[in-house]
Amino acid sequence: MRARGQDLGGAVHRDDADLHKLAEVLIRLTLQETGRSRAERRAAAIPEAYRPSIASVGGAR
């Protein structure tokens, strides 16, 4: 006989996955990665036109 609460050696029961939450997490991670890679591409890109900053023009005093 087995003692009460003893492991039977079988699979552990788990609740069903919450597919809605899983989808939300995957979408959020995808959007974060897309934003990060877009920012990296823009930072590495050569600007199309030179636009001086306000400070270099003398507007900020």
PDB file of N, CA and C in Angstrom:
ATOM      1  N   MET A   1       0.826  -1.172   0.000  1.00  0.00           N
ATOM      2  CA  MET A   1       0.000   0.000   0.000  1.00  0.00           C
ATOM      3  C   MET A   1       0.877   1.243   0.000  1.00  0.00           C
ATOM      4  N   ARG A   2       0.315   2.289  -0.569  1.00  0.00           N
ATOM      5  CA  ARG A   2       1.028   3.561  -0.611  1.00  0.00           C
ATOM      6  C   ARG A   2       0.520   4.458   0.494  1.00  0.00           C
ATOM      7  N   ALA A   3       1.439   5.259   1.001  1.00  0.00           N
ATOM      8  CA  ALA A   3       1.049   6.214   2.037  1.00  0.00           C
ATOM      9  C   ALA A   3       0.239   7.339   1.400  1.00  0.00           C
ATOM     10  N   ARG A   4      -0.617   7.920   2.178  1.00  0.00           N
ATOM     11  CA  ARG A   4      -1.453   9.002   1.673  1.00  0.00           C
ATOM     12  C   ARG A   4      -0.559  10.164   1.221  1.00  0.00           C
ATOM     13  N   GLY A   5      -0.828  10.708   0.020  1.00  0.00           N
ATOM     14  CA  GLY A   5      -0.068  11.831  -0.503  1.00  0.00           C
ATOM     15  C   GLY A   5       1.225  11.426  -1.191  1.00  0.00           C
ATOM     16  N   GLN A   6       1.480  10.137  -1.287  1.00  0.00           N
ATOM     17  CA  GLN A   6       2.715   9.680  -1.923  1.00  0.00           C
ATOM     18  C   GLN A   6       2.591   9.830  -3.440  1.00  0.00           C
ATOM     19  N   ASP A   7       3.687  10.209  -4.083  1.00  0.00           N
ATOM     20  CA  ASP A   7       3.702  10.392  -5.529  1.00  0.00           C
ATOM     21  C   ASP A   7       3.488   9.052  -6.214  1.00  0.00           C
ATOM     22  N   LEU A   8       2.609   9.042  -7.197  1.00  0.00           N
ATOM     23  CA  LEU A   8       2.325   7.817  -7.933  1.00  0.00           C
ATOM     24  C   LEU A   8       3.266   7.635  -9.116  1.00  0.00           C
ATOM     25  N   GLY A   9       4.144   8.592  -9.351  1.00  0.00           N
ATOM     26  CA  GLY A   9       5.111   8.449 -10.438  1.00  0.00           C
ATOM     27  C   GLY A   9       4.549   8.841 -11.791  1.00  0.00           C
ATOM     28  N   GLY A  10       3.319   9.274 -11.855  1.00  0.00           N
ATOM     29  CA  GLY A  10       2.704   9.667 -13.122  1.00  0.00           C
ATOM     30  C   GLY A  10       2.906  11.140 -13.403  1.00  0.00           C
ATOM     31  N   ALA A  11       2.233  11.587 -14.428  1.00  0.00           N
ATOM     32  CA  ALA A  11       2.323  12.991 -14.812  1.00  0.00           C
ATOM     33  C   ALA A  11       1.625  13.869 -13.782  1.00  0.00           C
ATOM     34  N   VAL A  12       2.155  15.040 -13.608  1.00  0.00           N
ATOM     35  CA  VAL A  12       1.569  16.002 -12.683  1.00  0.00           C
ATOM     36  C   VAL A  12       0.458  16.745 -13.415  1.00  0.00           C
ATOM     37  N   HIS A  13      -0.696  16.859 -12.789  1.00  0.00           N
ATOM     38  CA  HIS A  13      -1.803  17.574 -13.416  1.00  0.00           C
ATOM     39  C   HIS A  13      -1.554  19.073 -13.365  1.00  0.00           C
ATOM     40  N   ARG A  14      -1.757  19.718 -14.479  1.00  0.00           N
ATOM     41  CA  ARG A  14      -1.643  21.170 -14.557  1.00  0.00           C
ATOM     42  C   ARG A  14      -2.907  21.710 -15.198  1.00  0.00           C
ATOM     43  N   ASP A  15      -3.252  22.927 -14.826  1.00  0.00           N
ATOM     44  CA  ASP A  15      -4.403  23.573 -15.447  1.00  0.00           C
ATOM     45  C   ASP A  15      -4.117  23.805 -16.924  1.00  0.00           C
ATOM     46  N   ASP A  16      -5.186  23.892 -17.700  1.00  0.00           N
ATOM     47  CA  ASP A  16      -5.030  24.185 -19.122  1.00  0.00           C
ATOM     48  C   ASP A  16      -4.390  25.557 -19.296  1.00  0.00           C
ATOM     49  N   ALA A  17      -3.635  25.690 -20.366  1.00  0.00           N
ATOM     50  CA  ALA A  17      -2.976  26.962 -20.649  1.00  0.00           C
ATOM     51  C   ALA A  17      -4.018  28.019 -20.985  1.00  0.00           C
ATOM     52  N   ASP A  18      -3.791  29.235 -20.520  1.00  0.00           N
ATOM     53  CA  ASP A  18      -4.669  30.352 -20.854  1.00  0.00           C
ATOM     54  C   ASP A  18      -4.153  30.931 -22.169  1.00  0.00           C
ATOM     55  N   LEU A  19      -4.767  30.516 -23.264  1.00  0.00           N
ATOM     56  CA  LEU A  19      -4.274  30.901 -24.584  1.00  0.00           C
ATOM     57  C   LEU A  19      -4.402  32.400 -24.834  1.00  0.00           C
ATOM     58  N   HIS A  20      -5.399  33.033 -24.233  1.00  0.00           N
ATOM     59  CA  HIS A  20      -5.563  34.480 -24.402  1.00  0.00           C
ATOM     60  C   HIS A  20      -4.378  35.222 -23.781  1.00  0.00           C
ATOM     61  N   LYS A  21      -3.998  34.836 -22.568  1.00  0.00           N
ATOM     62  CA  LYS A  21      -2.853  35.479 -21.909  1.00  0.00           C
ATOM     63  C   LYS A  21      -1.560  35.174 -22.654  1.00  0.00           C
ATOM     64  N   LEU A  22      -1.422  33.944 -23.115  1.00  0.00           N
ATOM     65  CA  LEU A  22      -0.226  33.570 -23.864  1.00  0.00           C
ATOM     66  C   LEU A  22      -0.111  34.401 -25.138  1.00  0.00           C
ATOM     67  N   ALA A  23      -1.219  34.570 -25.850  1.00  0.00           N
ATOM     68  CA  ALA A  23      -1.209  35.375 -27.073  1.00  0.00           C
ATOM     69  C   ALA A  23      -0.849  36.825 -26.763  1.00  0.00           C
ATOM     70  N   GLU A  24      -1.397  37.375 -25.671  1.00  0.00           N
ATOM     71  CA  GLU A  24      -1.074  38.751 -25.290  1.00  0.00           C
ATOM     72  C   GLU A  24       0.412  38.918 -25.006  1.00  0.00           C
ATOM     73  N   VAL A  25       0.990  37.967 -24.301  1.00  0.00           N
ATOM     74  CA  VAL A  25       2.419  38.036 -23.975  1.00  0.00           C
ATOM     75  C   VAL A  25       3.260  37.958 -25.243  1.00  0.00           C
ATOM     76  N   LEU A  26       2.917  37.054 -26.144  1.00  0.00           N
ATOM     77  CA  LEU A  26       3.680  36.920 -27.387  1.00  0.00           C
ATOM     78  C   LEU A  26       3.567  38.178 -28.242  1.00  0.00           C
ATOM     79  N   ILE A  27       2.378  38.761 -28.303  1.00  0.00           N
ATOM     80  CA  ILE A  27       2.201  39.999 -29.065  1.00  0.00           C
ATOM     81  C   ILE A  27       3.025  41.120 -28.444  1.00  0.00           C
ATOM     82  N   ARG A  28       2.983  41.236 -27.121  1.00  0.00           N
ATOM     83  CA  ARG A  28       3.734  42.290 -26.430  1.00  0.00           C
ATOM     84  C   ARG A  28       5.236  42.138 -26.683  1.00  0.00           C
ATOM     85  N   LEU A  29       5.748  40.918 -26.584  1.00  0.00           N
ATOM     86  CA  LEU A  29       7.177  40.689 -26.825  1.00  0.00           C
ATOM     87  C   LEU A  29       7.556  41.001 -28.270  1.00  0.00           C
ATOM     88  N   THR A  30       6.682  40.634 -29.203  1.00  0.00           N
ATOM     89  CA  THR A  30       6.940  40.913 -30.614  1.00  0.00           C
ATOM     90  C   THR A  30       6.988  42.414 -30.866  1.00  0.00           C
ATOM     91  N   LEU A  31       6.045  43.155 -30.284  1.00  0.00           N
ATOM     92  CA  LEU A  31       6.037  44.609 -30.460  1.00  0.00           C
ATOM     93  C   LEU A  31       7.270  45.256 -29.838  1.00  0.00           C
ATOM     94  N   GLN A  32       7.703  44.766 -28.688  1.00  0.00           N
ATOM     95  CA  GLN A  32       8.913  45.305 -28.064  1.00  0.00           C
ATOM     96  C   GLN A  32      10.125  45.070 -28.953  1.00  0.00           C
ATOM     97  N   GLU A  33      10.238  43.867 -29.482  1.00  0.00           N
ATOM     98  CA  GLU A  33      11.379  43.534 -30.335  1.00  0.00           C
ATOM     99  C   GLU A  33      11.337  44.344 -31.628  1.00  0.00           C
ATOM    100  N   THR A  34      10.145  44.527 -32.193  1.00  0.00           N
ATOM    101  CA  THR A  34      10.001  45.317 -33.413  1.00  0.00           C
ATOM    102  C   THR A  34      10.416  46.761 -33.160  1.00  0.00           C
ATOM    103  N   GLY A  35       9.972  47.324 -32.055  1.00  0.00           N
ATOM    104  CA  GLY A  35      10.341  48.698 -31.716  1.00  0.00           C
ATOM    105  C   GLY A  35      11.826  48.848 -31.476  1.00  0.00           C
ATOM    106  N   ARG A  36      12.418  47.870 -30.811  1.00  0.00           N
ATOM    107  CA  ARG A  36      13.858  47.918 -30.526  1.00  0.00           C
ATOM    108  C   ARG A  36      14.659  47.856 -31.823  1.00  0.00           C
ATOM    109  N   SER A  37      14.311  46.937 -32.714  1.00  0.00           N
ATOM    110  CA  SER A  37      15.069  46.800 -33.957  1.00  0.00           C
ATOM    111  C   SER A  37      14.851  48.014 -34.861  1.00  0.00           C
ATOM    112  N   ARG A  38      13.640  48.597 -34.840  1.00  0.00           N
ATOM    113  CA  ARG A  38      13.375  49.798 -35.634  1.00  0.00           C
ATOM    114  C   ARG A  38      14.229  50.958 -35.121  1.00  0.00           C
ATOM    115  N   ALA A  39      14.328  51.109 -33.811  1.00  0.00           N
ATOM    116  CA  ALA A  39      15.142  52.182 -33.227  1.00  0.00           C
ATOM    117  C   ALA A  39      16.615  51.982 -33.576  1.00  0.00           C
ATOM    118  N   GLU A  40      17.084  50.747 -33.549  1.00  0.00           N
ATOM    119  CA  GLU A  40      18.481  50.467 -33.901  1.00  0.00           C
ATOM    120  C   GLU A  40      18.748  50.802 -35.366  1.00  0.00           C
ATOM    121  N   ARG A  41      17.803  50.464 -36.245  1.00  0.00           N
ATOM    122  CA  ARG A  41      17.981  50.768 -37.670  1.00  0.00           C
ATOM    123  C   ARG A  41      17.999  52.276 -37.905  1.00  0.00           C
ATOM    124  N   ARG A  42      17.105  53.004 -37.237  1.00  0.00           N
ATOM    125  CA  ARG A  42      17.066  54.464 -37.407  1.00  0.00           C
ATOM    126  C   ARG A  42      18.331  55.120 -36.870  1.00  0.00           C
ATOM    127  N   ALA A  43      18.855  54.619 -35.774  1.00  0.00           N
ATOM    128  CA  ALA A  43      20.073  55.190 -35.202  1.00  0.00           C
ATOM    129  C   ALA A  43      21.272  54.956 -36.116  1.00  0.00           C
ATOM    130  N   ALA A  44      21.279  53.830 -36.818  1.00  0.00           N
ATOM    131  CA  ALA A  44      22.399  53.492 -37.692  1.00  0.00           C
ATOM    132  C   ALA A  44      22.263  54.115 -39.080  1.00  0.00           C
ATOM    133  N   ALA A  45      21.065  54.561 -39.435  1.00  0.00           N
ATOM    134  CA  ALA A  45      20.834  55.101 -40.778  1.00  0.00           C
ATOM    135  C   ALA A  45      21.443  56.494 -40.915  1.00  0.00           C
ATOM    136  N   ILE A  46      21.874  56.792 -42.121  1.00  0.00           N
ATOM    137  CA  ILE A  46      22.392  58.122 -42.432  1.00  0.00           C
ATOM    138  C   ILE A  46      21.184  59.033 -42.659  1.00  0.00           C
ATOM    139  N   PRO A  47      21.153  60.183 -42.009  1.00  0.00           N
ATOM    140  CA  PRO A  47      20.002  61.074 -42.186  1.00  0.00           C
ATOM    141  C   PRO A  47      19.874  61.543 -43.634  1.00  0.00           C
ATOM    142  N   GLU A  48      18.627  61.724 -44.083  1.00  0.00           N
ATOM    143  CA  GLU A  48      18.386  62.173 -45.456  1.00  0.00           C
ATOM    144  C   GLU A  48      18.801  63.630 -45.638  1.00  0.00           C
ATOM    145  N   ALA A  49      18.590  64.440 -44.639  1.00  0.00           N
ATOM    146  CA  ALA A  49      18.941  65.856 -44.720  1.00  0.00           C
ATOM    147  C   ALA A  49      19.475  66.304 -43.366  1.00  0.00           C
ATOM    148  N   TYR A  50      20.363  67.270 -43.412  1.00  0.00           N
ATOM    149  CA  TYR A  50      20.915  67.793 -42.163  1.00  0.00           C
ATOM    150  C   TYR A  50      19.922  68.775 -41.563  1.00  0.00           C
ATOM    151  N   ARG A  51      19.571  68.550 -40.319  1.00  0.00           N
ATOM    152  CA  ARG A  51      18.694  69.465 -39.602  1.00  0.00           C
ATOM    153  C   ARG A  51      19.422  69.888 -38.337  1.00  0.00           C
ATOM    154  N   PRO A  52      19.905  71.118 -38.306  1.00  0.00           N
ATOM    155  CA  PRO A  52      20.631  71.549 -37.103  1.00  0.00           C
ATOM    156  C   PRO A  52      19.698  71.602 -35.899  1.00  0.00           C
ATOM    157  N   SER A  53      20.240  71.296 -34.756  1.00  0.00           N
ATOM    158  CA  SER A  53      19.438  71.364 -33.538  1.00  0.00           C
ATOM    159  C   SER A  53      19.217  72.819 -33.165  1.00  0.00           C
ATOM    160  N   ILE A  54      18.218  73.072 -32.360  1.00  0.00           N
ATOM    161  CA  ILE A  54      17.901  74.438 -31.934  1.00  0.00           C
ATOM    162  C   ILE A  54      19.082  75.045 -31.176  1.00  0.00           C
ATOM    163  N   ALA A  55      19.756  74.255 -30.360  1.00  0.00           N
ATOM    164  CA  ALA A  55      20.880  74.752 -29.564  1.00  0.00           C
ATOM    165  C   ALA A  55      22.027  75.220 -30.458  1.00  0.00           C
ATOM    166  N   SER A  56      22.283  74.529 -31.568  1.00  0.00           N
ATOM    167  CA  SER A  56      23.399  74.905 -32.432  1.00  0.00           C
ATOM    168  C   SER A  56      23.082  76.144 -33.264  1.00  0.00           C
ATOM    169  N   VAL A  57      21.815  76.461 -33.465  1.00  0.00           N
ATOM    170  CA  VAL A  57      21.420  77.642 -34.227  1.00  0.00           C
ATOM    171  C   VAL A  57      21.470  78.883 -33.345  1.00  0.00           C
ATOM    172  N   GLY A  58      21.359  78.694 -32.053  1.00  0.00           N
ATOM    173  CA  GLY A  58      21.411  79.818 -31.131  1.00  0.00           C
ATOM    174  C   GLY A  58      20.045  80.179 -30.583  1.00  0.00           C
ATOM    175  N   GLY A  59      19.066  79.347 -30.808  1.00  0.00           N
ATOM    176  CA  GLY A  59      17.721  79.621 -30.330  1.00  0.00           C
ATOM    177  C   GLY A  59      17.553  79.389 -28.843  1.00  0.00           C
ATOM    178  N   ALA A  60      18.376  78.531 -28.261  1.00  0.00           N
ATOM    179  CA  ALA A  60      18.256  78.228 -26.828  1.00  0.00           C
ATOM    180  C   ALA A  60      19.263  79.071 -26.067  1.00  0.00           C
ATOM    181  N   ARG A  61      18.781  79.983 -25.241  1.00  0.00           N
ATOM    182  CA  ARG A  61      19.691  80.851 -24.476  1.00  0.00           C
ATOM    183  C   ARG A  61      19.360  80.801 -23.031  1.00  0.00           C
TER     184      ARG A  61
END
